Amino acid sequence: MAAKDWELAEEILRWLDCENLESKMLGRDIFNEKAPLSREQLEDRRELPDFMADFLDAEESGALSGTYSVDALWRSYHLHLLEISKTHGCPMLGEWAFWEAGLRNALARSRAQEIGVDLEGRLFEESEEESLYSEMVAWASEAADPLERERVIDQNRLAKLNELAGINPFSREAALCYLLSLIILDRWDLPREVDTKQLLEVFS
């Protein structure tokens, strides 16, 4: 595939960097070694993508605070993906970023309502499908335990990616959806020896 398509795949893998930073912010001793950034790079803030560096600067300045500043991190990432999708001419990635951001908005609102947290400035822009996302979260909340709720949410993610992949299994869009799906599945069923970075060979 073209070099610009390889760049899209690399930006998708930033999802793992965001998960690692989220864990660090929440004080969790969890680090996914499959992410593009190493633990040392994240700790020392070396070679960070611009969206992540800007987010950390805002947090350090006091513009963001509290546990739910992680929602602002994901907002920054999804805005970044939207920009990348435009510059690289990939509407599918933009649609995914917008859909995933809407889902995370609904999840964040559900948490915030429970504890009375103000999320102003931390969420993505409103979507016409807000009610759909809210119904999805409400359905997941009926699951027996938190782990099962996560599985329900991820099942919805995978269904959306299957829709976005289209009918041509060899298209750029299908390859990117495949990579996104593997990132999601890796949390559940894939064996530990699977290396997400090696998945980029699909794009060579």
Protein backbone atom coordinates (compact mmCIF):
# COMPACT_ATOMS: atom_id res chain seq x y z
CA MET A 1 0.00 0.00 0.00
CA ALA A 2 0.99 3.62 -0.41
CA ALA A 3 3.14 5.36 2.20
CA LYS A 4 0.24 7.57 3.28
CA ASP A 5 -1.83 4.46 4.00
CA TRP A 6 0.96 3.11 6.17
CA GLU A 7 0.82 6.40 8.08
CA LEU A 8 -2.89 5.86 8.69
CA ALA A 9 -2.16 2.46 10.21
CA GLU A 10 0.50 3.94 12.46
CA GLU A 11 -1.91 6.60 13.69
CA ILE A 12 -4.50 3.93 14.46
CA LEU A 13 -1.93 2.24 16.70
CA ARG A 14 -1.77 5.45 18.73
CA TRP A 15 -4.92 4.04 20.35
CA LEU A 16 -2.56 1.82 22.36
CA ASP A 17 -0.45 4.83 23.35
CA CYS A 18 -3.60 6.53 24.64
CA GLU A 19 -4.56 3.46 26.63
CA ASN A 20 -1.10 3.37 28.20
CA LEU A 21 -1.25 7.07 29.06
CA GLU A 22 -4.72 6.61 30.52
CA SER A 23 -3.41 3.82 32.74
CA LYS A 24 -0.55 6.03 33.87
CA MET A 25 -2.92 8.91 34.67
CA LEU A 26 -5.16 6.62 36.70
CA GLY A 27 -2.26 5.12 38.63
CA ARG A 28 -2.62 1.65 37.13
CA ASP A 29 0.50 -0.45 36.77
CA ILE A 30 -0.51 -1.63 33.30
CA PHE A 31 1.48 -1.09 30.12
CA ASN A 32 0.87 -2.59 26.69
CA GLU A 33 4.29 -3.19 25.16
CA LYS A 34 2.70 -3.43 21.71
CA ALA A 35 2.14 0.33 21.60
CA PRO A 36 4.32 2.52 19.35
CA LEU A 37 5.70 4.47 22.33
CA SER A 38 7.82 2.66 24.88
CA ARG A 39 7.27 3.06 28.61
CA GLU A 40 10.42 5.20 28.77
CA GLN A 41 9.30 7.46 25.93
CA LEU A 42 5.97 8.01 27.63
CA GLU A 43 7.57 8.69 31.00
CA ASP A 44 10.15 11.10 29.54
CA ARG A 45 7.72 12.61 27.01
CA ARG A 46 10.02 11.82 24.13
CA GLU A 47 8.81 11.55 20.51
CA LEU A 48 5.19 12.10 21.51
CA PRO A 49 2.67 12.83 18.77
CA ASP A 50 1.58 16.46 18.77
CA PHE A 51 -1.96 15.77 20.00
CA MET A 52 -0.62 13.93 23.05
CA ALA A 53 2.05 16.52 23.82
CA ASP A 54 -0.55 19.29 23.62
CA PHE A 55 -2.89 17.38 25.91
CA LEU A 56 -0.17 16.85 28.51
CA ASP A 57 0.79 20.53 28.36
CA ALA A 58 -2.84 21.49 28.99
CA GLU A 59 -3.10 19.08 31.90
CA GLU A 60 0.18 20.31 33.41
CA SER A 61 -0.96 23.92 33.14
CA GLY A 62 -4.03 23.14 35.25
CA ALA A 63 -6.48 23.53 32.39
CA LEU A 64 -7.52 19.94 33.03
CA SER A 65 -7.73 18.13 36.32
CA GLY A 66 -9.34 15.16 37.98
CA THR A 67 -9.85 11.54 37.06
CA TYR A 68 -12.01 12.34 34.08
CA SER A 69 -9.40 14.41 32.31
CA VAL A 70 -8.80 11.11 30.51
CA ASP A 71 -11.94 11.92 28.53
CA ALA A 72 -10.14 14.97 27.20
CA LEU A 73 -7.24 12.73 26.16
CA TRP A 74 -9.53 10.61 24.01
CA ARG A 75 -11.19 13.73 22.62
CA SER A 76 -7.75 14.92 21.49
CA TYR A 77 -7.02 11.57 19.87
CA HIS A 78 -10.30 11.45 17.96
CA LEU A 79 -9.87 15.02 16.73
CA HIS A 80 -6.41 13.97 15.56
CA LEU A 81 -7.82 10.98 13.68
CA LEU A 82 -10.44 13.19 12.04
CA GLU A 83 -7.74 15.57 10.81
CA ILE A 84 -5.62 12.68 9.56
CA SER A 85 -8.60 11.17 7.75
CA LYS A 86 -9.10 14.45 5.88
CA THR A 87 -5.46 15.03 4.93
CA HIS A 88 -5.11 11.42 3.75
CA GLY A 89 -8.48 11.25 2.01
CA CYS A 90 -9.89 8.42 4.12
CA PRO A 91 -13.53 9.15 5.03
CA MET A 92 -13.88 5.71 6.62
CA LEU A 93 -11.36 6.54 9.34
CA GLY A 94 -13.11 9.85 9.97
CA GLU A 95 -16.45 8.08 10.30
CA TRP A 96 -14.93 5.60 12.74
CA ALA A 97 -13.34 8.35 14.83
CA PHE A 98 -16.64 10.24 15.00
CA TRP A 99 -18.57 7.07 15.91
CA GLU A 100 -16.08 5.99 18.58
CA ALA A 101 -16.00 9.50 20.02
CA GLY A 102 -19.79 9.48 20.30
CA LEU A 103 -19.69 6.16 22.12
CA ARG A 104 -17.05 7.42 24.55
CA ASN A 105 -19.12 10.57 25.12
CA ALA A 106 -22.07 8.43 26.17
CA LEU A 107 -19.91 6.31 28.47
CA ALA A 108 -18.38 9.43 30.03
CA ARG A 109 -21.79 11.03 30.59
CA SER A 110 -23.07 7.87 32.23
CA ARG A 111 -20.15 7.87 34.67
CA ALA A 112 -20.38 11.60 35.28
CA GLN A 113 -24.08 11.47 36.12
CA GLU A 114 -23.39 8.86 38.77
CA ILE A 115 -20.83 10.99 40.62
CA GLY A 116 -21.75 14.54 39.59
CA VAL A 117 -18.66 15.37 37.49
CA ASP A 118 -18.66 18.37 35.10
CA LEU A 119 -17.38 17.27 31.68
CA GLU A 120 -17.43 20.66 29.97
CA GLY A 121 -14.65 20.92 27.40
CA ARG A 122 -13.66 17.29 27.78
CA LEU A 123 -16.02 15.64 25.32
CA PHE A 124 -16.24 15.46 21.55
CA GLU A 125 -18.84 17.50 19.68
CA GLU A 126 -22.45 16.38 19.87
CA SER A 127 -23.70 13.84 17.36
CA GLU A 128 -27.13 13.34 15.84
CA GLU A 129 -26.87 9.74 17.03
CA GLU A 130 -26.57 10.59 20.74
CA SER A 131 -29.73 8.64 21.55
CA LEU A 132 -28.32 5.58 19.79
CA TYR A 133 -25.13 5.74 21.83
CA SER A 134 -27.09 6.23 25.04
CA GLU A 135 -29.22 3.18 24.25
CA MET A 136 -26.07 1.18 23.57
CA VAL A 137 -24.59 2.16 26.94
CA ALA A 138 -27.87 1.48 28.73
CA TRP A 139 -28.02 -1.98 27.14
CA ALA A 140 -24.42 -2.70 28.19
CA SER A 141 -25.14 -1.54 31.74
CA GLU A 142 -27.63 -4.38 32.10
CA ALA A 143 -24.80 -6.93 31.84
CA ALA A 144 -24.02 -9.04 34.88
CA ASP A 145 -20.59 -7.54 35.66
CA PRO A 146 -18.12 -4.86 34.44
CA LEU A 147 -16.18 -7.36 32.31
CA GLU A 148 -19.30 -8.44 30.48
CA ARG A 149 -20.28 -4.79 29.98
CA GLU A 150 -16.93 -4.19 28.28
CA ARG A 151 -17.53 -7.17 26.02
CA VAL A 152 -20.92 -5.83 24.99
CA ILE A 153 -19.41 -2.44 24.15
CA ASP A 154 -16.63 -4.07 22.14
CA GLN A 155 -19.14 -6.22 20.26
CA ASN A 156 -20.79 -2.99 19.12
CA ARG A 157 -17.41 -1.62 18.07
CA LEU A 158 -16.68 -4.72 16.01
CA ALA A 159 -20.11 -4.58 14.37
CA LYS A 160 -19.48 -0.96 13.34
CA LEU A 161 -16.06 -1.83 11.91
CA ASN A 162 -17.57 -4.70 9.94
CA GLU A 163 -20.01 -2.20 8.45
CA LEU A 164 -17.27 0.29 7.60
CA ALA A 165 -14.99 -2.32 6.02
CA GLY A 166 -17.20 -2.57 2.94
CA ILE A 167 -17.51 -5.47 0.52
CA ASN A 168 -13.97 -5.48 -0.89
CA PRO A 169 -11.73 -7.41 1.55
CA PHE A 170 -8.60 -6.11 -0.19
CA SER A 171 -9.42 -2.41 0.04
CA ARG A 172 -7.54 0.08 2.19
CA GLU A 173 -10.67 0.57 4.26
CA ALA A 174 -11.00 -3.15 4.93
CA ALA A 175 -7.34 -3.40 5.97
CA LEU A 176 -7.68 -0.48 8.39
CA CYS A 177 -10.87 -1.93 9.88
CA TYR A 178 -9.06 -5.25 10.25
CA LEU A 179 -6.28 -3.56 12.20
CA LEU A 180 -8.77 -1.75 14.45
CA SER A 181 -10.66 -4.99 15.05
CA LEU A 182 -7.48 -6.81 16.02
CA ILE A 183 -6.62 -4.09 18.53
CA ILE A 184 -10.02 -4.62 20.14
CA LEU A 185 -9.87 -8.41 20.02
CA ASP A 186 -6.36 -8.46 21.45
CA ARG A 187 -7.84 -7.42 24.79
CA TRP A 188 -9.96 -10.55 24.90
CA ASP A 189 -9.12 -13.56 22.82
CA LEU A 190 -5.89 -13.24 20.88
CA PRO A 191 -2.84 -15.09 22.27
CA ARG A 192 -0.21 -13.06 24.08
CA GLU A 193 2.40 -13.71 21.40
CA VAL A 194 0.47 -11.66 18.85
CA ASP A 195 2.49 -8.49 18.22
CA THR A 196 0.29 -5.58 17.09
CA LYS A 197 3.27 -3.88 15.45
CA GLN A 198 3.73 -6.89 13.18
CA LEU A 199 0.20 -6.39 11.95
CA LEU A 200 1.52 -3.42 9.98
CA GLU A 201 3.02 -5.93 7.56
CA VAL A 202 -0.47 -5.98 6.05
CA PHE A 203 0.30 -2.51 4.69
CA SER A 204 3.69 -3.30 3.14
